[in-house]
Structures are given as structure tokens and as C-alpha cells.
Amino acid sequence: MKTREIALKIFEEGVRRSFFSPSVWKISDVLNERDRNLVRKIVYGSVRFLPYIDDTIEKLLKKPSKTPEKIKDILRLGIYEIEFLRIPSYATVNEYTNLTPKKFKGLVNAILREVSRTRTFDMKKNAALPNWLFEMLKKDLGKNFDIFLQSSISHTLSLRSVRMSRKELKEKLSPLRCTEMSYSKWGLKCSNGTNLKGELFEKGAFTFQDESSQMVAVAISPQAHEKILDACGGVGTKTSHIVQISPESETFYNDVNDDKRAVALSNFKRMKLMPKKILAFDLVKDDFDDMTFDKILLDAPCSALGTVGKHPDVLLRLKESDVKEKSRLQLEMMEKVWDKLKRGGTLVYSVCTVTKAETDDVIKSFVNFHDDAKVVDPFDGRYDFGFNGFGVQLLEYMEGFYISKIVKL
């Protein structure tokens, strides 16, 4: 299959499921690296700008409701290429016209040619977000809204050095043009990186992790013999970082999801960073028996808007009601883990999102009902990330990510 044909198949399956799992991309393995990169760029780019693209299609089709979805999908990918990629428009028009069933070739050809003549997209005028999300983020982020829009378009591959020094890892990956992260002393950003799951990865030399995510373990500041819980451990990335920083701490990993625990265990073994114990509690429904901890990380489920640059399919799943529902769940989880925190201990709350409802508002609500809770600067003054009395939003400095630190008095 040709590049655009593969992109179309991946796009159709991913949009239908509102999720692009690793298995969805397998059919692109037959392509060379350059063409695999193009497929990913076309698919994810089309998803990111889908509201704008669909609006364009609605305006140009005479009978949009009677046009088959497959034809619309062909138009979606073609319009994305013409508007956003520096590929000659005549080549794009020909490629997608050739993908089209004979009955609709003339239609697709005409619309793509019209788009190539006009090219109307302007990020300053059209953020290509659902209206409700556009209004919410513009209000919540203020002057940082433009930063969010830029970060939502693309994402640089980010690594955390593990079983070798950052300097050595950088030298090993020199063809990928890696630069050291500004704040995390373990991190590299690789502008030329794509699929790095080779020998170095399998030997645990590094793992994939954004800089903002790496700052969570910095905020926790694990120390020897402290009993630390990663309450929503996911695939174990932050747990492994805590163990890496302080191997002598007693770090507990927890996640209720069987699949995530399996991936986490594999990652712990690969990096040789095994927590003291792996737990499988449901934070809302289950009880942790009589266990208490010196420090707890609650990396809570959220709208994940800080990851749109690398996971634009987030926008396919997100509904306006989700933000409110997530904030309710986040508060419920905080209440549950607070009971398991020792007096004098610290709770680090983090979410990879940028909405006020899931960040400052959650912390405000929590401390209003807890006289024994004191919010402190997550980084103890080491970085000027604009601590506002509730937490820090890192969007201005790295990826969209929120961290708050609460001491139990």
C-alpha cells in the first residue's frame, strides 16, 4: 500500500474508536522511516485540526449529509496536507483523487483544488478547537492561551536517562539531535527522534517522559527510608523515577487497571527500578487497610489537554461535561489518599492538563475543607514557576502540566 492509503486506513480506524492504540499504527511498519513519519504527521495533524477541516468540508459540499464518510475522510486528509504541510498541492490533489472511488473522483478533485486556491486557515482567528473548549481555555489561560495553541500542534520527543548518564545517552543518540532539558537534569529533547525502541531502550538506558512529568519526582523529593505511594501509577513512569532518585526509599506503586500494571511491571524490569510493592487498589472503592505513608503522589485522571501535541485524539473523546466530572473524581481521590498520609507528610497532586477546574479549583476546594492542609511551593523556591498559592502551571516553561504540594499539619 502507498503512504496515503495507509494514512487513510489508520485515520479511519482511529477516529472510529476515538483512540489511536499502538496496534493501529502497525500497518505503517512496511514503510521507510521518512514515510512512517509522514503518515503520523498526516493522521495526527488531521485529527488536531478536525473541527476546522470539517467546517471547510461542510461549506464546500453541496450535499454533505449524502456524502459517504469514506469520501469525507479522504477530503479530511487532503485538506490537512494542503493547508498545513509544505507539499506541492498538485501532488496532494492527485494522490487523494487516485484513492477515491471512480464515482466521487471529480468531487474530491474539485474540492481539493478549491482549497489549494484559497488556503484560509489562520491560527490567530481559528484555533481549530470545539467552541466550548476554545472559550474555556481562553478564559482560564489568559496570556498563555497562545502558548497552549502552539504546544497543541506538535511535540518534541522527550526522554529520561536511566541506566546511563544524560551526557552518555546524548552521545549515543547524536544522530537524533538531542538537547539537554532546561530544568530536569535527566532529560533530553530529540528533534530528529521517532521510533527509538531499539537496543538502548530495551536495556533500560532511557524511558520516554516529558520534562514536566519528570518534575513531579523533583517535587516529591524522595529520601531514603521514606514510605512513598504513587497512588495512580499508570505505566509506572513516575514510580520508576522516584526509585531512580532514591533507591533506598520504600516506594509503593498502585493502579487498579490490570493492563497498566502489566506494562508498569515490564517497565520496572526493563529499567531495573522495582518498587517495594505493587498494589491494585481502586482509590475510590477500596480501602488501603491500615497503611500510611510519608509522601503520596496523586497523578490523577484528567482531561489530558497538556498532551494534545502528541495525543490529539484526546480531542476526539473529550466532552464539556468531562472536565467537571474529572474535577469531582480528583477531589474524591484526594480525600481518600489524605487519610493515608502521616502527619507532617506531603501530598503531591499532579495532572497533565491546563483547565482551572482541574487544577487551582481542586486545590482550593480541598484546603477549604481541611484545616490540617497547608499548600507550599512544590519546588521550595528552587525554580520561579509562578507559584500562586495553590500550585504551578508549567505550560509557560515546558508542557502543559500542573503540580501542587500539600503538607499535612
Protein backbone atom coordinates (compact mmCIF):
# COMPACT_ATOMS: atom_id res chain seq x y z
CA MET A 1 0.00 0.00 0.00
CA LYS A 2 1.06 3.57 -0.63
CA THR A 3 1.70 6.13 2.09
CA ARG A 4 -1.63 7.99 1.80
CA GLU A 5 -3.60 4.76 1.59
CA ILE A 6 -2.02 3.60 4.84
CA ALA A 7 -2.66 7.00 6.44
CA LEU A 8 -6.32 6.77 5.42
CA LYS A 9 -6.75 3.31 6.94
CA ILE A 10 -5.13 4.37 10.22
CA PHE A 11 -7.19 7.57 10.34
CA GLU A 12 -10.47 5.72 9.70
CA GLU A 13 -9.84 3.14 12.41
CA GLY A 14 -8.51 5.60 15.00
CA VAL A 15 -11.30 8.15 14.54
CA ARG A 16 -13.95 5.44 14.65
CA ARG A 17 -12.58 4.29 18.03
CA SER A 18 -11.65 7.83 19.18
CA PHE A 19 -8.29 6.37 20.13
CA PHE A 20 -5.07 5.53 18.27
CA SER A 21 -3.63 2.48 20.04
CA PRO A 22 -0.08 1.29 19.23
CA SER A 23 -1.55 -1.61 17.23
CA VAL A 24 -3.36 0.81 14.90
CA TRP A 25 -0.01 2.02 13.57
CA LYS A 26 1.34 -1.46 12.77
CA ILE A 27 0.34 -1.34 9.10
CA SER A 28 2.78 1.55 8.60
CA ASP A 29 5.72 -0.72 9.51
CA VAL A 30 6.11 -1.66 5.81
CA LEU A 31 7.15 1.93 5.03
CA ASN A 32 10.57 3.51 5.43
CA GLU A 33 11.15 5.87 8.33
CA ARG A 34 10.53 9.04 6.32
CA ASP A 35 7.16 7.80 5.05
CA ARG A 36 6.16 6.49 8.51
CA ASN A 37 6.81 9.97 9.86
CA LEU A 38 4.67 11.46 7.09
CA VAL A 39 1.81 9.07 7.91
CA ARG A 40 1.90 10.03 11.58
CA LYS A 41 2.04 13.72 10.70
CA ILE A 42 -0.93 13.47 8.31
CA VAL A 43 -3.08 11.38 10.66
CA TYR A 44 -2.44 13.29 13.86
CA GLY A 45 -2.49 16.65 12.09
CA SER A 46 -5.87 15.88 10.55
CA VAL A 47 -7.23 14.92 13.96
CA ARG A 48 -5.87 18.05 15.64
CA PHE A 49 -7.49 20.37 13.10
CA LEU A 50 -10.63 18.31 12.51
CA PRO A 51 -13.16 20.99 13.58
CA TYR A 52 -11.73 23.45 11.04
CA ILE A 53 -11.41 20.79 8.33
CA ASP A 54 -14.98 19.56 8.82
CA ASP A 55 -16.27 23.13 8.71
CA THR A 56 -14.44 23.59 5.39
CA ILE A 57 -15.97 20.39 4.01
CA GLU A 58 -19.47 21.43 5.08
CA LYS A 59 -19.09 24.72 3.23
CA LEU A 60 -17.77 23.17 0.01
CA LEU A 61 -20.01 20.10 -0.30
CA LYS A 62 -23.42 20.72 -1.85
CA LYS A 63 -24.93 17.70 -0.09
CA PRO A 64 -22.67 16.90 2.90
CA SER A 65 -25.23 14.62 4.58
CA LYS A 66 -25.35 12.40 1.49
CA THR A 67 -21.60 12.17 1.04
CA PRO A 68 -20.15 8.82 2.24
CA GLU A 69 -17.95 9.04 5.32
CA LYS A 70 -15.01 7.47 3.46
CA ILE A 71 -15.08 10.30 0.91
CA LYS A 72 -15.12 12.82 3.75
CA ASP A 73 -12.12 11.05 5.32
CA ILE A 74 -10.21 11.33 2.03
CA LEU A 75 -11.07 15.03 1.91
CA ARG A 76 -10.02 15.48 5.55
CA LEU A 77 -6.53 14.15 4.97
CA GLY A 78 -6.18 16.02 1.68
CA ILE A 79 -7.29 19.34 3.16
CA TYR A 80 -4.87 18.91 6.07
CA GLU A 81 -1.96 18.35 3.69
CA ILE A 82 -2.84 21.33 1.53
CA GLU A 83 -3.41 23.73 4.41
CA PHE A 84 -0.66 22.67 6.80
CA LEU A 85 2.15 20.72 5.06
CA ARG A 86 4.64 22.12 2.58
CA ILE A 87 3.85 19.55 -0.08
CA PRO A 88 3.00 20.78 -3.61
CA SER A 89 -0.79 20.96 -3.78
CA TYR A 90 -0.99 19.37 -7.24
CA ALA A 91 0.73 16.25 -5.87
CA THR A 92 -1.66 16.11 -2.91
CA VAL A 93 -4.72 16.54 -5.13
CA ASN A 94 -3.54 13.72 -7.42
CA GLU A 95 -2.69 11.37 -4.54
CA TYR A 96 -6.10 11.66 -2.87
CA THR A 97 -8.05 11.70 -6.13
CA ASN A 98 -6.40 8.37 -7.01
CA LEU A 99 -7.53 6.96 -3.62
CA THR A 100 -11.13 7.88 -4.38
CA PRO A 101 -13.75 5.52 -5.92
CA LYS A 102 -14.49 6.44 -9.53
CA LYS A 103 -17.96 7.85 -8.77
CA PHE A 104 -16.51 10.55 -6.48
CA LYS A 105 -13.17 11.33 -8.17
CA GLY A 106 -14.47 14.51 -9.77
CA LEU A 107 -15.91 15.74 -6.46
CA VAL A 108 -12.71 15.15 -4.48
CA ASN A 109 -10.55 16.65 -7.21
CA ALA A 110 -12.69 19.80 -7.42
CA ILE A 111 -12.84 20.40 -3.65
CA LEU A 112 -9.13 19.87 -3.07
CA ARG A 113 -8.28 22.18 -5.95
CA GLU A 114 -10.58 24.83 -4.48
CA VAL A 115 -8.89 24.51 -1.08
CA SER A 116 -5.45 24.78 -2.69
CA ARG A 117 -6.52 28.06 -4.32
CA THR A 118 -7.88 29.65 -1.12
CA ARG A 119 -5.87 28.28 1.87
CA THR A 120 -7.88 30.12 4.51
CA PHE A 121 -6.58 28.78 7.83
CA ASP A 122 -5.23 31.33 10.32
CA MET A 123 -4.40 30.07 13.82
CA LYS A 124 -4.98 33.54 15.30
CA LYS A 125 -8.55 33.52 14.01
CA ASN A 126 -9.37 29.83 14.27
CA ALA A 127 -7.82 27.67 16.98
CA ALA A 128 -9.47 24.55 15.49
CA LEU A 129 -10.91 23.58 18.86
CA PRO A 130 -14.51 22.80 19.83
CA ASN A 131 -16.23 26.09 20.69
CA TRP A 132 -16.82 25.19 24.34
CA LEU A 133 -13.15 24.28 24.80
CA PHE A 134 -11.94 27.39 23.00
CA GLU A 135 -13.96 29.63 25.31
CA MET A 136 -12.96 27.73 28.46
CA LEU A 137 -9.23 27.77 27.75
CA LYS A 138 -9.16 31.34 26.54
CA LYS A 139 -10.70 32.37 29.87
CA ASP A 140 -8.59 30.02 32.01
CA LEU A 141 -5.22 30.62 30.37
CA GLY A 142 -5.33 34.31 29.51
CA LYS A 143 -1.97 35.38 28.07
CA ASN A 144 -0.83 31.73 27.97
CA PHE A 145 -3.62 30.68 25.59
CA ASP A 146 -1.40 31.28 22.54
CA ILE A 147 1.32 29.15 24.14
CA PHE A 148 -1.20 26.34 24.54
CA LEU A 149 -2.25 26.61 20.89
CA GLN A 150 1.35 26.34 19.70
CA SER A 151 2.08 23.42 22.01
CA SER A 152 -1.03 21.62 20.74
CA ILE A 153 0.28 21.46 17.18
CA SER A 154 3.44 19.39 17.66
CA HIS A 155 5.56 17.77 20.33
CA THR A 156 9.30 17.10 20.58
CA LEU A 157 10.31 13.59 21.60
CA SER A 158 11.33 13.66 25.27
CA LEU A 159 13.48 11.12 27.12
CA ARG A 160 14.68 10.48 30.66
CA SER A 161 18.14 8.95 31.02
CA VAL A 162 18.07 5.96 33.37
CA ARG A 163 20.87 3.40 33.23
CA MET A 164 23.49 5.73 31.80
CA SER A 165 24.30 9.39 32.32
CA ARG A 166 22.47 12.01 30.31
CA LYS A 167 25.76 13.02 28.68
CA GLU A 168 26.50 9.47 27.56
CA LEU A 169 22.95 8.95 26.31
CA LYS A 170 23.14 12.19 24.34
CA GLU A 171 26.34 10.98 22.66
CA LYS A 172 24.79 7.60 21.85
CA LEU A 173 21.79 9.34 20.26
CA SER A 174 23.79 12.04 18.43
CA PRO A 175 22.05 11.47 15.03
CA LEU A 176 18.76 12.46 16.69
CA ARG A 177 19.96 15.99 17.53
CA CYS A 178 19.17 15.77 21.23
CA THR A 179 19.48 18.76 23.56
CA GLU A 180 19.50 18.79 27.34
CA MET A 181 16.29 19.83 29.07
CA SER A 182 16.37 23.17 30.85
CA TYR A 183 15.09 22.02 34.25
CA SER A 184 15.25 18.23 34.52
CA LYS A 185 18.82 17.01 34.95
CA TRP A 186 17.89 13.61 33.47
CA GLY A 187 16.05 14.80 30.39
CA LEU A 188 16.76 15.10 26.67
CA LYS A 189 14.62 16.51 23.87
CA CYS A 190 15.31 14.93 20.48
CA SER A 191 14.16 16.93 17.46
CA ASN A 192 15.00 14.17 15.00
CA GLY A 193 13.65 11.25 17.02
CA THR A 194 10.91 8.82 16.03
CA ASN A 195 10.90 5.13 16.88
CA LEU A 196 13.65 4.60 19.48
CA LYS A 197 12.58 1.26 20.89
CA GLY A 198 15.84 -0.42 20.00
CA GLU A 199 18.70 -1.93 21.98
CA LEU A 200 19.32 1.09 24.20
CA PHE A 201 15.67 1.26 25.19
CA GLU A 202 15.41 -2.49 25.83
CA LYS A 203 18.48 -2.35 28.07
CA GLY A 204 16.85 0.37 30.16
CA ALA A 205 19.19 3.18 29.15
CA PHE A 206 16.24 5.57 28.93
CA THR A 207 12.49 5.85 29.01
CA PHE A 208 10.06 8.23 27.33
CA GLN A 209 8.94 11.05 29.62
CA ASP A 210 8.15 14.74 29.15
CA GLU A 211 10.09 17.31 31.15
CA SER A 212 7.00 18.45 33.06
CA SER A 213 6.34 14.86 34.08
CA GLN A 214 9.95 14.49 35.25
CA MET A 215 9.47 17.50 37.52
CA VAL A 216 6.91 15.55 39.57
CA ALA A 217 9.55 13.38 41.22
CA VAL A 218 11.60 16.54 41.83
CA ALA A 219 8.59 17.98 43.70
CA ILE A 220 8.25 14.77 45.74
CA SER A 221 11.96 14.91 46.65
CA PRO A 222 12.13 11.28 47.84
CA GLN A 223 14.51 10.48 50.68
CA ALA A 224 15.97 7.23 51.98
CA HIS A 225 13.61 5.14 54.13
CA GLU A 226 10.56 7.29 53.40
CA LYS A 227 7.41 5.34 52.66
CA ILE A 228 6.08 6.75 49.38
CA LEU A 229 2.93 5.86 47.43
CA ASP A 230 2.31 6.52 43.75
CA ALA A 231 -1.45 6.19 44.05
CA CYS A 232 -2.37 6.23 40.34
CA GLY A 233 0.81 4.75 38.92
CA GLY A 234 -0.30 4.10 35.33
CA VAL A 235 2.53 2.57 33.32
CA GLY A 236 4.97 3.29 36.16
CA THR A 237 6.99 6.13 34.66
CA LYS A 238 6.86 8.41 37.70
CA THR A 239 7.21 5.49 40.14
CA SER A 240 10.42 4.42 38.40
CA HIS A 241 11.73 7.98 38.57
CA ILE A 242 11.13 8.10 42.32
CA VAL A 243 13.02 4.82 42.73
CA GLN A 244 15.79 6.10 40.45
CA ILE A 245 16.27 9.24 42.55
CA SER A 246 16.09 7.44 45.88
CA PRO A 247 16.65 3.67 45.65
CA GLU A 248 16.57 3.42 49.46
CA SER A 249 13.08 4.86 49.76
CA GLU A 250 10.18 2.42 50.25
CA THR A 251 8.21 3.21 47.11
CA PHE A 252 4.80 1.63 46.55
CA TYR A 253 3.13 1.54 43.12
CA ASN A 254 -0.65 1.32 42.81
CA ASP A 255 -3.05 1.10 39.88
CA VAL A 256 -6.42 -0.62 39.57
CA ASN A 257 -6.05 -1.26 35.82
CA ASP A 258 -4.70 -4.74 35.01
CA ASP A 259 -3.23 -3.74 31.64
CA LYS A 260 -1.42 -0.72 33.06
CA ARG A 261 0.02 -2.80 35.91
CA ALA A 262 1.34 -5.33 33.38
CA VAL A 263 3.04 -2.59 31.34
CA ALA A 264 4.39 -0.98 34.51
CA LEU A 265 5.91 -4.27 35.69
CA SER A 266 7.58 -4.72 32.31
CA ASN A 267 8.98 -1.18 32.52
CA PHE A 268 10.25 -1.70 36.08
CA LYS A 269 12.07 -4.86 35.00
CA ARG A 270 13.50 -3.25 31.86
CA MET A 271 14.94 -0.31 33.82
CA LYS A 272 15.80 -2.41 36.89
CA LEU A 273 13.87 0.04 39.06
CA MET A 274 11.47 -2.11 41.03
CA PRO A 275 9.22 -0.55 43.68
CA LYS A 276 8.93 -2.18 47.09
CA LYS A 277 5.42 -3.40 46.33
CA ILE A 278 2.87 -3.36 43.52
CA LEU A 279 -0.71 -2.72 44.65
CA ALA A 280 -4.04 -2.92 42.82
CA PHE A 281 -6.46 -0.82 44.86
CA ASP A 282 -9.37 1.17 43.48
CA LEU A 283 -8.77 4.55 45.12
CA VAL A 284 -12.46 5.35 45.30
CA LYS A 285 -13.97 1.98 46.24
CA ASP A 286 -11.27 0.09 48.14
CA ASP A 287 -9.54 0.59 51.47
CA PHE A 288 -5.76 0.54 51.87
CA ASP A 289 -6.15 -1.33 55.13
CA ASP A 290 -4.05 0.37 57.83
CA MET A 291 -1.19 1.52 55.58
CA THR A 292 0.06 5.09 55.95
CA PHE A 293 2.74 6.94 54.00
CA ASP A 294 5.25 9.76 54.44
CA LYS A 295 4.59 11.03 50.93
CA ILE A 296 1.86 10.36 48.40
CA LEU A 297 1.75 11.20 44.71
CA LEU A 298 -1.70 11.53 43.20
CA ASP A 299 -1.20 11.84 39.46
CA ALA A 300 -4.93 11.97 38.91
CA PRO A 301 -7.06 11.10 35.87
CA CYS A 302 -7.75 14.31 33.95
CA SER A 303 -8.74 15.83 30.62
CA ALA A 304 -5.10 15.42 29.44
CA LEU A 305 -5.14 18.67 27.45
CA GLY A 306 -1.45 19.18 28.12
CA THR A 307 -0.72 16.17 25.90
CA VAL A 308 -2.68 17.25 22.80
CA GLY A 309 0.55 17.98 20.92
CA LYS A 310 1.46 14.28 20.96
CA HIS A 311 -2.02 12.77 21.50
CA PRO A 312 -4.50 14.87 19.50
CA ASP A 313 -7.04 12.03 19.73
CA VAL A 314 -7.71 13.40 23.24
CA LEU A 315 -9.89 15.94 21.44
CA LEU A 316 -11.97 13.16 19.85
CA ARG A 317 -13.01 11.83 23.26
CA LEU A 318 -13.31 14.95 25.38
CA LYS A 319 -16.76 16.34 26.16
CA GLU A 320 -17.60 19.54 28.02
CA SER A 321 -19.07 17.58 30.92
CA ASP A 322 -15.82 15.59 31.30
CA VAL A 323 -13.94 18.50 32.89
CA LYS A 324 -16.46 18.85 35.71
CA GLU A 325 -16.68 15.07 36.19
CA LYS A 326 -12.89 14.75 36.32
CA SER A 327 -12.59 17.52 38.92
CA ARG A 328 -15.17 15.75 41.10
CA LEU A 329 -13.24 12.48 40.82
CA GLN A 330 -9.94 14.23 41.55
CA LEU A 331 -11.33 15.67 44.78
CA GLU A 332 -12.74 12.30 45.78
CA MET A 333 -9.36 10.66 45.25
CA MET A 334 -7.57 13.39 47.22
CA GLU A 335 -9.92 12.81 50.17
CA LYS A 336 -9.18 9.09 50.06
CA VAL A 337 -5.40 9.34 49.99
CA TRP A 338 -5.31 12.17 52.57
CA ASP A 339 -6.44 9.69 55.20
CA LYS A 340 -3.41 7.53 54.35
CA LEU A 341 -0.90 10.35 54.76
CA LYS A 342 1.04 10.67 58.01
CA ARG A 343 1.01 13.96 59.90
CA GLY A 344 3.91 16.04 58.65
CA GLY A 345 3.75 14.18 55.36
CA THR A 346 3.23 15.68 51.90
CA LEU A 347 0.72 15.04 49.15
CA VAL A 348 1.79 15.95 45.61
CA TYR A 349 -1.15 16.41 43.27
CA SER A 350 -0.42 16.48 39.53
CA VAL A 351 -2.43 16.49 36.31
CA CYS A 352 -1.35 16.79 32.67
CA THR A 353 -3.93 19.43 31.87
CA VAL A 354 -4.47 23.19 31.88
CA THR A 355 -8.09 23.82 32.94
CA LYS A 356 -8.71 25.83 36.12
CA ALA A 357 -11.43 23.38 37.20
CA GLU A 358 -8.92 20.51 37.43
CA THR A 359 -6.03 22.48 38.87
CA ASP A 360 -6.33 25.51 41.19
CA ASP A 361 -10.05 24.96 41.78
CA VAL A 362 -9.48 21.40 43.01
CA ILE A 363 -6.82 22.55 45.46
CA LYS A 364 -8.98 25.48 46.66
CA SER A 365 -11.90 23.16 47.32
CA PHE A 366 -9.71 20.66 49.15
CA VAL A 367 -7.97 23.10 51.51
CA ASN A 368 -11.26 24.88 52.27
CA PHE A 369 -12.45 21.66 53.93
CA HIS A 370 -9.15 20.73 55.61
CA ASP A 371 -7.74 22.84 58.42
CA ASP A 372 -4.84 20.41 58.58
CA ALA A 373 -3.76 21.13 54.96
CA LYS A 374 -1.12 23.70 54.03
CA VAL A 375 -0.19 24.33 50.38
CA VAL A 376 3.51 25.05 49.77
CA ASP A 377 5.67 25.80 46.75
CA PRO A 378 6.16 22.37 45.07
CA PHE A 379 9.81 23.21 44.38
CA ASP A 380 10.66 25.05 47.60
CA GLY A 381 11.73 28.19 45.74
CA ARG A 382 14.30 26.43 43.54
CA TYR A 383 12.50 27.47 40.34
CA ASP A 384 10.46 30.57 39.55
CA PHE A 385 7.47 28.77 38.02
CA GLY A 386 4.95 31.28 39.31
CA PHE A 387 3.60 29.51 42.40
CA ASN A 388 0.22 31.18 43.05
CA GLY A 389 -0.53 29.80 46.50
CA PHE A 390 -2.24 26.68 45.11
CA GLY A 391 0.20 25.18 42.64
CA VAL A 392 2.21 25.80 39.46
CA GLN A 393 1.08 25.51 35.85
CA LEU A 394 4.18 24.62 33.81
CA LEU A 395 2.76 25.46 30.37
CA GLU A 396 4.82 28.63 30.07
CA TYR A 397 8.05 26.70 30.69
CA MET A 398 7.53 23.24 29.19
CA GLU A 399 4.44 21.10 28.57
CA GLY A 400 1.02 21.89 29.99
CA PHE A 401 1.17 20.25 33.42
CA TYR A 402 0.05 21.23 36.92
CA ILE A 403 1.75 20.37 40.23
CA SER A 404 0.60 21.21 43.76
CA LYS A 405 2.19 20.20 47.06
CA ILE A 406 0.20 19.99 50.32
CA VAL A 407 1.63 19.39 53.79
CA LYS A 408 -0.49 17.60 56.38
CA LEU A 409 -0.18 19.59 59.61
